[in-house]
Structure formats: structure tokens, C-alpha cells
Amino acid sequence: MKPKPSLIPRFNLDYSFSDFLYGIKSCFSSDEFDLKPLGAVFGKTSFFFTNYGRSSLYVILRALNLPKGSKIGVPLYSCTVVFDAIVNAGCVPCFIDIDLNNYTMDPADLKEKIDDLEAVVVIHTFGRPADMDKIKAIAGDKHVIEDCAHSLLSEYKGRKTGTLGNVSFFSLAKYISAGGGGMTIVNNSDLSDSIQREIDALKKPSVLNNLKHSVIVYLRSFFYHKPWFGLFALPIGLSIEDKVDLTTKRSFDVAGINNNDLCLMLKKLAVFNMNVEKQRENSFFYIKELKDTSVTLPYEGKATYCNYYLFPIKFENKEDRDTASDFLRDKGIDTSKLYSETPLKAKQFYGYTGDCPNTEMLADTILTIPNHYTLKENELIKIVKTAKEVFI
């Protein structure tokens, strides 16, 4: 790929220099944190923190004290680190197909497989709330775990995602760009003590680790913005992605959260609803401008509020999707074929047997375009005008 200094990044890493300075200062803070911003959003409940979202899922599954080899229902359309957390917790992922209308877990497929499962992980993909009423009814007395990595501040029937299942977890690196960390919300008080025991057993990052983490996160964010993203970050990333397959590394370090990540998340969360509204406005602009094209655009389900963490566009076939992706990048707009490799990786490493046809279809036809709240008006107009040239 030729360097493109004006390339618009596909994702948003909003970790500014002021965030970096705040993070450095927070490295030396005490372990007493004011969790009122969390209570204001999610209500009175229990919160626990780890170094990654995947670590939070690992802790949750360990706390459930399930028999070794227990099957955990999880959408195949997912990042493979979710499967890694299940495997490392001593369980086995059992793959559930998705509903092509919403890109989240298909209750009908879950119903076919529920008898073999000990728990269910529901993913609110792209920030779109899953059909929690149907899923919980099918699950019965089995634990329902919400993966809210994409769905911060999304709502289902007036309730925030993360408060709907027995327990939930968030990835603080995503959307809110706190730098890193995972957060667990416990809605079933019977689980609080066991999760607390698992958290207490985790190693705590040192001040030096916190400092190094702040530097790495800031540099990563810096190079994920124009002009550095198109000049260096993406070309270098593309040049090594075929040589280094990070998805084969299935183990990961489980630890407590860095103080800087937790402090910054609490600071940002208090006012983050404004950024969500801006991202929704960007998404509605796309829907209005691209409604007469041939692609399938996202829509907001009945009685839901979607944070539009990502803006998914579905094509008729893989060839059209790939052509559009190449065209947009050539015109200065980067895109993501999110989870396009997951079905293949799941067959290679996680025991997937090919019983999720909707997911395999979506993995070949979905594309996300930049819709982040930091986009300028001229960038939004450029994305729409360019998209209309290829979304015929």
C-alpha cells in the first residue's frame, strides 16, 4: 500500500495528550476510587475491574465454578479473544448463529443448542442490543453473560446493556478510549463474593507498568490519526499481518486494572453521552444519504437505543464487499471487514463444525465505514460522496 497521509482511519482512538497527562498523574493515585459516575449510569450494583475485557470474562467463568469442559454458548460472529477466554477458563465454546436482521445472537439457534450449555455469552455487536427477552427465556436458570465491549450506553427497553443479564463485562479500550481495562457488572448478588475472590487473586500492576502502559497507549493513539495513520501505521500493519498471526496466541495475562485506565474511564464516562449522540448523528446522516443504494444499512430495533459504536454495511456478496473496501481505501477512506476471518479460525482452533451459516455469510459480506464522533463535517461528506460511487 502506498502512503496516504489523508487516509481517514476506520476506528477511533481518542486518547489525547491531556488524557496521557491525566493517566500519568493517576498512576500515583491511591486504590480508592469514586465510582459514582458508574452508579449514575448503571444504578446501584457491584463493579469489578481487570486488565482486559477478555480477562473479565475469564474471571466470570471461573467464578461460576462450572465443571471442567462445560460448554458455553457464544456467537460465532465475534473476536476470537472471546473464545480464548472461554478456553482458558477451562470451558468449551459452543457456537451460536446470528440473526441477520440484527447481527446478534439468534434466539432460534440458541433454542436448538441450549440443552448442552452451562452458560450463554450474549454479544451486543456493533452496539446493537440483542433480543434479551427471548434469550433469557430460552436460557432459563442458566447464567446469561452480556459482552458489552461494543455497547457502552446502548439500551434495551429503557435499560442499559450490562444490566440485563446475570453478569456483564465491558472493554474500556473500546469506544470510550480509556486506554485499556475490563469492567464487570454483577446483577446477581449471589455471584459477587465468588467474583471478588477471583479479583483478589489477580496480580496488581506496578506503578512502572502503569507508566509504561500510558506511554504505549498514547503513542498508539497518536499514530492512529492523520497523517501518521496513512503514512506509517496502516502500511506497516498490512506489511506484517500475513507474517505474524496473532490469533494463534490463545493465552493471555490476567491481572488487575491499571489505575490510569480506571481513573480516565471514570472521568470520561461522566460526559461520554455527548460523544455517543454525535456518533449517532453521524450514523443517521449516513442512513439518510445512502438509503437509495444497493447495500443493507443498519437500523434501530424497536424499543432499543443503539450507540452506533460501529456502522455496519452489508453487501450482496463477497466480491462487491471487497471491491468497495479497495475502492474506498484508494480514495482515502479506510474500512474494516470485521471478524471476516473468525469462521476459519474457529474451525482451525476452536472446534467449530460449520453449523452457523448466517455468520459465515455475514463474515463475507459485512463492511464497517468510519462514523466516529471525531470526524469533521468535510470528512463525513467525503465518505458519503465516495460511498455513492461504489454502493450503486
Protein backbone atom coordinates (compact mmCIF):
# COMPACT_ATOMS: atom_id res chain seq x y z
CA MET A 1 0.00 0.00 0.00
CA LYS A 2 1.26 3.47 -0.89
CA PRO A 3 1.41 6.00 1.97
CA LYS A 4 -1.76 8.13 2.19
CA PRO A 5 -1.41 10.99 4.70
CA SER A 6 -5.10 11.98 4.28
CA LEU A 7 -6.43 8.46 4.93
CA ILE A 8 -9.39 8.51 7.34
CA PRO A 9 -8.90 5.79 10.00
CA ARG A 10 -11.51 3.04 10.24
CA PHE A 11 -11.69 3.18 14.07
CA ASN A 12 -11.35 5.92 16.64
CA LEU A 13 -8.65 6.03 19.32
CA ASP A 14 -9.44 9.17 21.28
CA TYR A 15 -6.57 9.11 23.80
CA SER A 16 -5.32 12.70 23.68
CA PHE A 17 -2.22 14.26 25.20
CA SER A 18 -4.33 15.61 28.04
CA ASP A 19 -5.59 12.05 28.62
CA PHE A 20 -1.97 10.92 28.67
CA LEU A 21 -1.07 13.51 31.30
CA TYR A 22 -4.13 12.61 33.37
CA GLY A 23 -3.15 8.95 33.10
CA ILE A 24 0.40 9.66 34.26
CA LYS A 25 -0.93 11.56 37.27
CA SER A 26 -3.34 8.71 38.02
CA CYS A 27 -0.51 6.20 38.13
CA PHE A 28 0.33 7.54 41.57
CA SER A 29 -3.23 7.69 42.90
CA SER A 30 -4.49 5.57 45.77
CA ASP A 31 -6.61 2.47 45.28
CA GLU A 32 -9.71 4.30 46.48
CA PHE A 33 -11.87 5.30 43.52
CA ASP A 34 -15.08 7.27 43.38
CA LEU A 35 -17.44 5.02 41.43
CA LYS A 36 -20.35 7.48 41.47
CA PRO A 37 -20.17 8.02 37.66
CA LEU A 38 -20.77 4.29 37.24
CA GLY A 39 -23.63 4.26 39.69
CA ALA A 40 -25.22 7.20 37.87
CA VAL A 41 -25.26 5.21 34.63
CA PHE A 42 -25.83 1.61 35.72
CA GLY A 43 -27.54 2.00 39.07
CA LYS A 44 -26.68 0.50 42.40
CA THR A 45 -24.79 -2.70 41.67
CA SER A 46 -21.34 -4.27 42.06
CA PHE A 47 -18.39 -3.34 39.83
CA PHE A 48 -15.11 -5.23 39.40
CA PHE A 49 -12.09 -4.44 37.21
CA THR A 50 -9.38 -6.32 35.30
CA ASN A 51 -6.71 -5.52 32.72
CA TYR A 52 -8.79 -6.60 29.67
CA GLY A 53 -12.37 -7.32 28.73
CA ARG A 54 -11.31 -10.91 27.97
CA SER A 55 -9.86 -11.14 31.48
CA SER A 56 -13.21 -10.09 32.89
CA LEU A 57 -14.94 -12.92 31.01
CA TYR A 58 -12.29 -15.36 32.25
CA VAL A 59 -12.90 -14.21 35.85
CA ILE A 60 -16.68 -14.50 35.44
CA LEU A 61 -16.47 -18.06 34.12
CA ARG A 62 -14.06 -19.08 36.87
CA ALA A 63 -16.39 -17.57 39.46
CA LEU A 64 -19.32 -19.64 38.15
CA ASN A 65 -17.39 -22.75 39.28
CA LEU A 66 -18.54 -24.80 36.31
CA PRO A 67 -17.32 -28.36 35.71
CA LYS A 68 -14.21 -28.54 33.54
CA GLY A 69 -15.16 -28.82 29.87
CA SER A 70 -18.53 -27.11 30.29
CA LYS A 71 -19.99 -25.80 27.03
CA ILE A 72 -20.53 -22.06 26.82
CA GLY A 73 -22.84 -20.70 24.14
CA VAL A 74 -21.29 -17.78 22.26
CA PRO A 75 -21.99 -16.14 18.89
CA LEU A 76 -19.58 -17.30 16.20
CA TYR A 77 -19.60 -13.72 14.89
CA SER A 78 -17.12 -12.42 17.42
CA CYS A 79 -13.50 -11.59 18.09
CA THR A 80 -11.58 -14.82 18.79
CA VAL A 81 -10.27 -13.44 22.11
CA VAL A 82 -13.75 -14.19 23.50
CA PHE A 83 -13.20 -17.85 22.62
CA ASP A 84 -9.74 -17.67 24.20
CA ALA A 85 -11.22 -16.50 27.48
CA ILE A 86 -13.67 -19.41 27.45
CA VAL A 87 -10.92 -21.94 26.70
CA ASN A 88 -8.51 -20.53 29.29
CA ALA A 89 -11.26 -20.72 31.92
CA GLY A 90 -11.43 -24.48 31.30
CA CYS A 91 -14.62 -24.39 29.22
CA VAL A 92 -15.50 -25.12 25.59
CA PRO A 93 -17.10 -22.61 23.20
CA CYS A 94 -20.31 -23.81 21.56
CA PHE A 95 -21.06 -21.58 18.61
CA ILE A 96 -24.45 -19.95 18.11
CA ASP A 97 -25.51 -18.40 14.81
CA ILE A 98 -26.66 -14.80 14.43
CA ASP A 99 -29.85 -13.13 13.33
CA LEU A 100 -29.07 -11.39 10.03
CA ASN A 101 -31.57 -8.65 10.84
CA ASN A 102 -29.60 -7.53 13.91
CA TYR A 103 -26.17 -9.25 13.71
CA THR A 104 -26.55 -10.54 17.27
CA MET A 105 -27.32 -13.99 18.72
CA ASP A 106 -30.17 -15.82 17.00
CA PRO A 107 -32.63 -16.99 19.69
CA ALA A 108 -33.91 -19.77 17.41
CA ASP A 109 -30.43 -21.30 17.04
CA LEU A 110 -29.80 -20.88 20.76
CA LYS A 111 -33.00 -22.81 21.48
CA GLU A 112 -31.73 -25.73 19.38
CA LYS A 113 -28.46 -25.88 21.36
CA ILE A 114 -29.40 -24.72 24.88
CA ASP A 115 -29.69 -28.21 26.41
CA ASP A 116 -25.93 -28.78 26.00
CA LEU A 117 -24.91 -25.43 27.51
CA GLU A 118 -23.99 -24.40 31.04
CA ALA A 119 -24.00 -20.63 30.33
CA VAL A 120 -24.55 -18.19 27.47
CA VAL A 121 -22.42 -15.21 26.38
CA VAL A 122 -24.54 -12.64 24.52
CA ILE A 123 -22.66 -10.06 22.43
CA HIS A 124 -24.26 -6.70 21.60
CA THR A 125 -22.35 -6.45 18.33
CA PHE A 126 -21.77 -3.00 16.78
CA GLY A 127 -23.59 -1.58 19.83
CA ARG A 128 -26.88 -3.16 18.73
CA PRO A 129 -28.71 -4.73 21.70
CA ALA A 130 -29.53 -8.42 21.31
CA ASP A 131 -33.07 -9.74 21.90
CA MET A 132 -32.53 -10.22 25.62
CA ASP A 133 -36.13 -11.17 26.48
CA LYS A 134 -36.12 -14.17 24.16
CA ILE A 135 -32.56 -15.18 25.04
CA LYS A 136 -33.19 -15.08 28.79
CA ALA A 137 -36.45 -17.01 28.40
CA ILE A 138 -34.63 -19.73 26.45
CA ALA A 139 -31.69 -19.81 28.88
CA GLY A 140 -33.98 -20.29 31.87
CA ASP A 141 -31.93 -20.77 35.03
CA LYS A 142 -28.62 -20.87 33.12
CA HIS A 143 -26.36 -17.86 33.52
CA VAL A 144 -26.58 -15.19 30.81
CA ILE A 145 -23.39 -13.14 30.46
CA GLU A 146 -23.51 -9.91 28.45
CA ASP A 147 -20.48 -8.94 26.36
CA CYS A 148 -20.83 -5.16 26.20
CA ALA A 149 -17.46 -4.38 24.59
CA HIS A 150 -19.32 -2.59 21.77
CA SER A 151 -22.41 -1.42 23.62
CA LEU A 152 -21.46 1.19 26.21
CA LEU A 153 -24.62 3.29 26.88
CA SER A 154 -26.79 1.27 24.45
CA GLU A 155 -30.24 0.46 25.82
CA TYR A 156 -32.79 -2.33 25.55
CA LYS A 157 -36.34 -1.42 26.55
CA GLY A 158 -35.13 1.50 28.63
CA ARG A 159 -32.36 -0.37 30.43
CA LYS A 160 -28.64 -0.06 29.79
CA THR A 161 -26.89 -3.05 28.28
CA GLY A 162 -24.83 -4.59 31.02
CA THR A 163 -27.75 -4.57 33.46
CA LEU A 164 -29.88 -7.17 31.67
CA GLY A 165 -28.07 -10.47 32.25
CA ASN A 166 -26.83 -12.11 35.43
CA VAL A 167 -23.43 -10.53 34.89
CA SER A 168 -21.75 -8.48 32.17
CA PHE A 169 -18.38 -7.17 31.08
CA PHE A 170 -17.03 -4.20 29.13
CA SER A 171 -13.78 -3.46 27.32
CA LEU A 172 -12.63 0.02 28.33
CA ALA A 173 -10.20 0.35 25.43
CA LYS A 174 -13.13 0.43 23.00
CA TYR A 175 -15.35 3.45 22.27
CA ILE A 176 -14.54 5.38 25.45
CA SER A 177 -10.79 5.02 24.73
CA ALA A 178 -9.73 4.80 28.36
CA GLY A 179 -6.52 3.05 27.29
CA GLY A 180 -7.40 -0.43 28.40
CA GLY A 181 -9.02 -2.44 31.14
CA GLY A 182 -12.11 -4.55 31.62
CA MET A 183 -15.13 -3.89 33.81
CA THR A 184 -17.56 -6.45 35.24
CA ILE A 185 -21.06 -5.57 36.41
CA VAL A 186 -22.75 -8.12 38.69
CA ASN A 187 -26.55 -8.05 38.65
CA ASN A 188 -26.95 -11.33 40.53
CA SER A 189 -25.69 -10.67 44.04
CA ASP A 190 -25.07 -14.40 44.58
CA LEU A 191 -22.05 -14.07 42.26
CA SER A 192 -20.41 -11.09 43.96
CA ASP A 193 -18.42 -12.97 46.57
CA SER A 194 -17.00 -15.53 44.13
CA ILE A 195 -16.04 -12.85 41.63
CA GLN A 196 -14.43 -10.81 44.40
CA ARG A 197 -12.32 -13.83 45.36
CA GLU A 198 -11.14 -14.22 41.77
CA ILE A 199 -10.32 -10.50 41.56
CA ASP A 200 -8.42 -10.56 44.85
CA ALA A 201 -6.22 -13.35 43.50
CA LEU A 202 -5.09 -11.30 40.49
CA LYS A 203 -1.73 -9.60 40.40
CA LYS A 204 -1.82 -5.83 40.66
CA PRO A 205 0.07 -3.78 38.04
CA SER A 206 3.01 -1.81 39.43
CA VAL A 207 3.41 1.96 39.10
CA LEU A 208 6.11 1.30 36.47
CA ASN A 209 3.69 -0.87 34.47
CA ASN A 210 1.09 1.89 34.68
CA LEU A 211 3.59 4.45 33.37
CA LYS A 212 4.75 2.24 30.50
CA HIS A 213 1.13 1.49 29.64
CA SER A 214 0.27 5.21 29.41
CA VAL A 215 3.16 5.84 27.03
CA ILE A 216 2.28 2.88 24.78
CA VAL A 217 -1.41 3.79 24.63
CA TYR A 218 -0.70 7.42 23.80
CA LEU A 219 1.76 6.52 21.03
CA ARG A 220 -0.69 4.02 19.56
CA SER A 221 -3.41 6.67 19.54
CA PHE A 222 -1.07 9.30 18.11
CA PHE A 223 -0.16 7.12 15.15
CA TYR A 224 -3.78 6.17 14.57
CA HIS A 225 -4.60 9.72 13.49
CA LYS A 226 -3.94 11.63 10.27
CA PRO A 227 -1.41 11.95 8.74
CA TRP A 228 0.50 9.23 10.61
CA PHE A 229 -2.12 6.52 10.16
CA GLY A 230 -1.95 6.55 6.37
CA LEU A 231 1.77 7.35 6.24
CA PHE A 232 3.09 4.70 8.63
CA ALA A 233 0.66 2.80 10.85
CA LEU A 234 -1.55 1.10 8.25
CA PRO A 235 1.16 0.38 5.64
CA ILE A 236 3.37 -1.21 8.29
CA GLY A 237 0.45 -3.15 9.73
CA LEU A 238 -0.55 -4.50 6.32
CA SER A 239 3.02 -5.49 5.54
CA ILE A 240 3.30 -7.72 8.59
CA GLU A 241 -0.25 -9.09 9.02
CA ASP A 242 0.41 -12.07 6.75
CA LYS A 243 3.70 -12.82 8.53
CA VAL A 244 2.52 -12.55 12.14
CA ASP A 245 -0.73 -14.32 13.02
CA LEU A 246 -1.66 -13.01 16.44
CA THR A 247 -4.86 -15.06 16.54
CA THR A 248 -2.87 -18.24 17.20
CA LYS A 249 -1.76 -16.89 20.59
CA ARG A 250 -4.60 -18.18 22.72
CA SER A 251 -3.22 -17.45 26.20
CA PHE A 252 -3.15 -14.02 27.83
CA ASP A 253 -2.14 -12.39 31.10
CA VAL A 254 -4.95 -11.89 33.60
CA ALA A 255 -4.35 -9.08 36.07
CA GLY A 256 -5.99 -6.19 37.87
CA ILE A 257 -6.73 -2.95 36.08
CA ASN A 258 -4.17 -0.17 35.68
CA ASN A 259 -5.05 2.81 37.86
CA ASN A 260 -4.68 5.17 34.90
CA ASP A 261 -7.25 3.25 32.84
CA LEU A 262 -9.81 3.20 35.63
CA CYS A 263 -9.36 6.88 36.55
CA LEU A 264 -9.61 8.01 32.94
CA MET A 265 -12.69 5.88 32.29
CA LEU A 266 -14.47 7.39 35.29
CA LYS A 267 -13.58 10.89 34.12
CA LYS A 268 -14.76 10.31 30.54
CA LEU A 269 -17.91 8.39 31.41
CA ALA A 270 -19.45 11.35 33.20
CA VAL A 271 -19.80 13.26 29.91
CA PHE A 272 -19.50 10.49 27.32
CA ASN A 273 -23.18 10.55 26.35
CA MET A 274 -22.41 13.67 24.25
CA ASN A 275 -19.95 11.67 22.13
CA VAL A 276 -22.48 8.88 21.69
CA GLU A 277 -25.07 11.38 20.47
CA LYS A 278 -22.56 12.80 18.00
CA GLN A 279 -21.79 9.33 16.68
CA ARG A 280 -25.49 8.63 16.34
CA GLU A 281 -25.90 11.85 14.35
CA ASN A 282 -23.09 10.75 12.02
CA SER A 283 -24.76 7.37 11.57
CA PHE A 284 -28.18 8.87 10.86
CA PHE A 285 -26.54 11.12 8.26
CA TYR A 286 -25.18 8.02 6.50
CA ILE A 287 -28.55 6.28 6.65
CA LYS A 288 -30.27 9.28 5.09
CA GLU A 289 -27.69 9.80 2.36
CA LEU A 290 -27.15 6.12 1.44
CA LYS A 291 -30.73 4.85 1.74
CA ASP A 292 -31.21 4.57 -2.04
CA THR A 293 -28.09 2.49 -2.67
CA SER A 294 -27.96 -1.29 -3.05
CA VAL A 295 -26.38 -2.06 0.32
CA THR A 296 -28.17 -3.03 3.54
CA LEU A 297 -27.86 -0.31 6.17
CA PRO A 298 -28.30 -0.71 9.94
CA TYR A 299 -31.48 0.36 11.65
CA GLU A 300 -32.53 0.82 15.24
CA GLY A 301 -34.64 -2.00 16.62
CA LYS A 302 -37.92 -1.40 18.36
CA ALA A 303 -37.52 -0.23 21.98
CA THR A 304 -33.73 -0.03 21.68
CA TYR A 305 -31.16 2.75 21.75
CA CYS A 306 -28.03 1.92 19.77
CA ASN A 307 -24.75 3.71 20.50
CA TYR A 308 -23.61 3.04 16.88
CA TYR A 309 -20.13 2.09 18.08
CA LEU A 310 -19.57 0.89 14.52
CA PHE A 311 -21.54 1.40 11.31
CA PRO A 312 -22.02 -1.95 9.50
CA ILE A 313 -22.96 -2.15 5.84
CA LYS A 314 -23.96 -5.49 4.28
CA PHE A 315 -23.34 -6.28 0.61
CA GLU A 316 -24.94 -8.89 -1.63
CA ASN A 317 -21.73 -10.87 -1.95
CA LYS A 318 -18.06 -11.02 -1.02
CA GLU A 319 -16.85 -9.67 -4.36
CA ASP A 320 -18.90 -6.48 -4.04
CA ARG A 321 -17.76 -6.02 -0.44
CA ASP A 322 -14.09 -6.44 -1.29
CA THR A 323 -14.37 -4.15 -4.32
CA ALA A 324 -15.97 -1.44 -2.19
CA SER A 325 -13.32 -1.82 0.51
CA ASP A 326 -10.47 -1.45 -2.00
CA PHE A 327 -12.16 1.49 -3.72
CA LEU A 328 -12.76 3.40 -0.51
CA ARG A 329 -9.21 2.87 0.73
CA ASP A 330 -7.85 4.03 -2.62
CA LYS A 331 -9.95 7.18 -2.22
CA GLY A 332 -8.62 7.85 1.28
CA ILE A 333 -11.20 6.09 3.49
CA ASP A 334 -10.17 3.03 5.47
CA THR A 335 -12.72 0.33 6.30
CA SER A 336 -12.93 -2.89 8.30
CA LYS A 337 -14.10 -6.37 7.28
CA LEU A 338 -14.84 -7.06 10.92
CA TYR A 339 -14.44 -10.69 12.03
CA SER A 340 -14.12 -11.86 8.42
CA GLU A 341 -11.55 -14.48 9.45
CA THR A 342 -13.38 -15.73 12.55
CA PRO A 343 -15.25 -18.70 10.99
CA LEU A 344 -11.99 -20.05 9.52
CA LYS A 345 -10.07 -19.52 12.77
CA ALA A 346 -12.90 -21.12 14.72
CA LYS A 347 -12.64 -24.24 12.54
CA GLN A 348 -8.85 -24.35 12.89
CA PHE A 349 -8.53 -23.78 16.63
CA TYR A 350 -11.86 -23.87 18.49
CA GLY A 351 -13.84 -26.85 17.20
CA TYR A 352 -16.37 -25.07 15.01
CA THR A 353 -18.14 -27.59 12.78
CA GLY A 354 -19.87 -25.33 10.25
CA ASP A 355 -23.37 -25.04 11.73
CA CYS A 356 -23.63 -21.22 11.67
CA PRO A 357 -24.44 -20.36 8.01
CA ASN A 358 -25.68 -16.84 8.73
CA THR A 359 -22.40 -15.94 10.41
CA GLU A 360 -20.35 -17.32 7.54
CA MET A 361 -22.44 -15.28 5.09
CA LEU A 362 -22.09 -12.10 7.14
CA ALA A 363 -18.34 -12.52 7.58
CA ASP A 364 -18.02 -12.46 3.78
CA THR A 365 -20.34 -9.51 3.15
CA ILE A 366 -20.05 -7.01 6.02
CA LEU A 367 -18.01 -3.80 5.95
CA THR A 368 -17.77 -1.01 8.51
CA ILE A 369 -17.05 2.57 7.49
CA PRO A 370 -15.71 5.35 9.74
CA ASN A 371 -18.51 7.01 11.74
CA HIS A 372 -16.63 8.06 14.88
CA TYR A 373 -17.54 11.19 16.77
CA THR A 374 -14.21 12.90 15.99
CA LEU A 375 -14.95 13.05 12.24
CA LYS A 376 -15.23 16.53 10.76
CA GLU A 377 -18.12 17.59 8.53
CA ASN A 378 -15.98 17.62 5.39
CA GLU A 379 -14.84 14.05 6.17
CA LEU A 380 -18.42 12.85 6.57
CA ILE A 381 -19.37 14.44 3.24
CA LYS A 382 -16.34 12.86 1.56
CA ILE A 383 -17.25 9.42 2.90
CA VAL A 384 -20.83 9.71 1.64
CA LYS A 385 -19.85 11.03 -1.80
CA THR A 386 -17.23 8.33 -2.25
CA ALA A 387 -19.54 5.59 -0.99
CA LYS A 388 -22.21 6.58 -3.53
CA GLU A 389 -19.69 6.00 -6.31
CA VAL A 390 -19.36 2.33 -5.38
CA PHE A 391 -22.59 1.49 -3.49
CA ILE A 392 -24.63 1.53 -6.68
